[in-house]
Amino acid sequence: MAIIESMVPAVEVYSIDEAFADL
């Protein structure tokens, strides 16, 4: 999860699932 937060700062705006799917 930490890696996702570092690579996707938009994780705050989008859900974690959204950010994960975005990758």
N, C-alpha and C. Protein backbone atom coordinates (compact mmCIF):
# COMPACT_ATOMS: atom_id res chain seq x y z
N MET A 1 0.84 -1.20 0.00
CA MET A 1 0.00 0.00 0.00
C MET A 1 0.88 1.25 0.00
N ALA A 2 1.96 1.23 0.73
CA ALA A 2 2.85 2.39 0.82
C ALA A 2 3.40 2.75 -0.55
N ILE A 3 3.72 1.71 -1.33
CA ILE A 3 4.27 1.95 -2.67
C ILE A 3 3.23 2.65 -3.55
N ILE A 4 2.00 2.20 -3.44
CA ILE A 4 0.93 2.80 -4.23
C ILE A 4 0.77 4.27 -3.86
N GLU A 5 0.79 4.56 -2.56
CA GLU A 5 0.64 5.94 -2.10
C GLU A 5 1.77 6.81 -2.61
N SER A 6 2.97 6.24 -2.68
CA SER A 6 4.14 7.00 -3.14
C SER A 6 4.06 7.27 -4.64
N MET A 7 3.60 6.29 -5.39
CA MET A 7 3.53 6.44 -6.85
C MET A 7 2.26 7.16 -7.28
N VAL A 8 1.20 6.98 -6.51
CA VAL A 8 -0.07 7.61 -6.86
C VAL A 8 -0.54 8.55 -5.75
N PRO A 9 -0.15 9.82 -5.84
CA PRO A 9 -0.56 10.80 -4.83
C PRO A 9 -2.07 11.04 -4.87
N ALA A 10 -2.69 10.69 -5.99
CA ALA A 10 -4.13 10.88 -6.14
C ALA A 10 -4.92 9.86 -5.31
N VAL A 11 -4.20 8.97 -4.62
CA VAL A 11 -4.85 7.95 -3.79
C VAL A 11 -5.77 8.61 -2.77
N GLU A 12 -5.47 9.85 -2.40
CA GLU A 12 -6.31 10.56 -1.44
C GLU A 12 -7.64 10.92 -2.08
N VAL A 13 -7.60 11.25 -3.37
CA VAL A 13 -8.82 11.63 -4.07
C VAL A 13 -9.61 10.40 -4.48
N TYR A 14 -8.90 9.42 -5.06
CA TYR A 14 -9.55 8.19 -5.49
C TYR A 14 -9.41 7.12 -4.42
N SER A 15 -10.29 6.13 -4.48
CA SER A 15 -10.21 5.02 -3.54
C SER A 15 -8.96 4.20 -3.83
N ILE A 16 -8.50 3.44 -2.86
CA ILE A 16 -7.29 2.62 -3.05
C ILE A 16 -7.51 1.65 -4.21
N ASP A 17 -8.72 1.14 -4.33
CA ASP A 17 -9.04 0.21 -5.42
C ASP A 17 -8.91 0.93 -6.76
N GLU A 18 -9.38 2.17 -6.81
CA GLU A 18 -9.31 2.96 -8.03
C GLU A 18 -7.86 3.18 -8.42
N ALA A 19 -7.04 3.58 -7.46
CA ALA A 19 -5.62 3.83 -7.72
C ALA A 19 -4.93 2.55 -8.17
N PHE A 20 -5.28 1.44 -7.52
CA PHE A 20 -4.66 0.16 -7.85
C PHE A 20 -5.03 -0.24 -9.28
N ALA A 21 -6.30 -0.02 -9.64
CA ALA A 21 -6.76 -0.37 -10.98
C ALA A 21 -6.14 0.56 -12.01
N ASP A 22 -5.89 1.82 -11.61
CA ASP A 22 -5.31 2.81 -12.51
C ASP A 22 -3.92 2.36 -12.95
N LEU A 23 -3.21 1.68 -12.05
CA LEU A 23 -1.87 1.20 -12.38
C LEU A 23 -2.00 0.00 -13.31
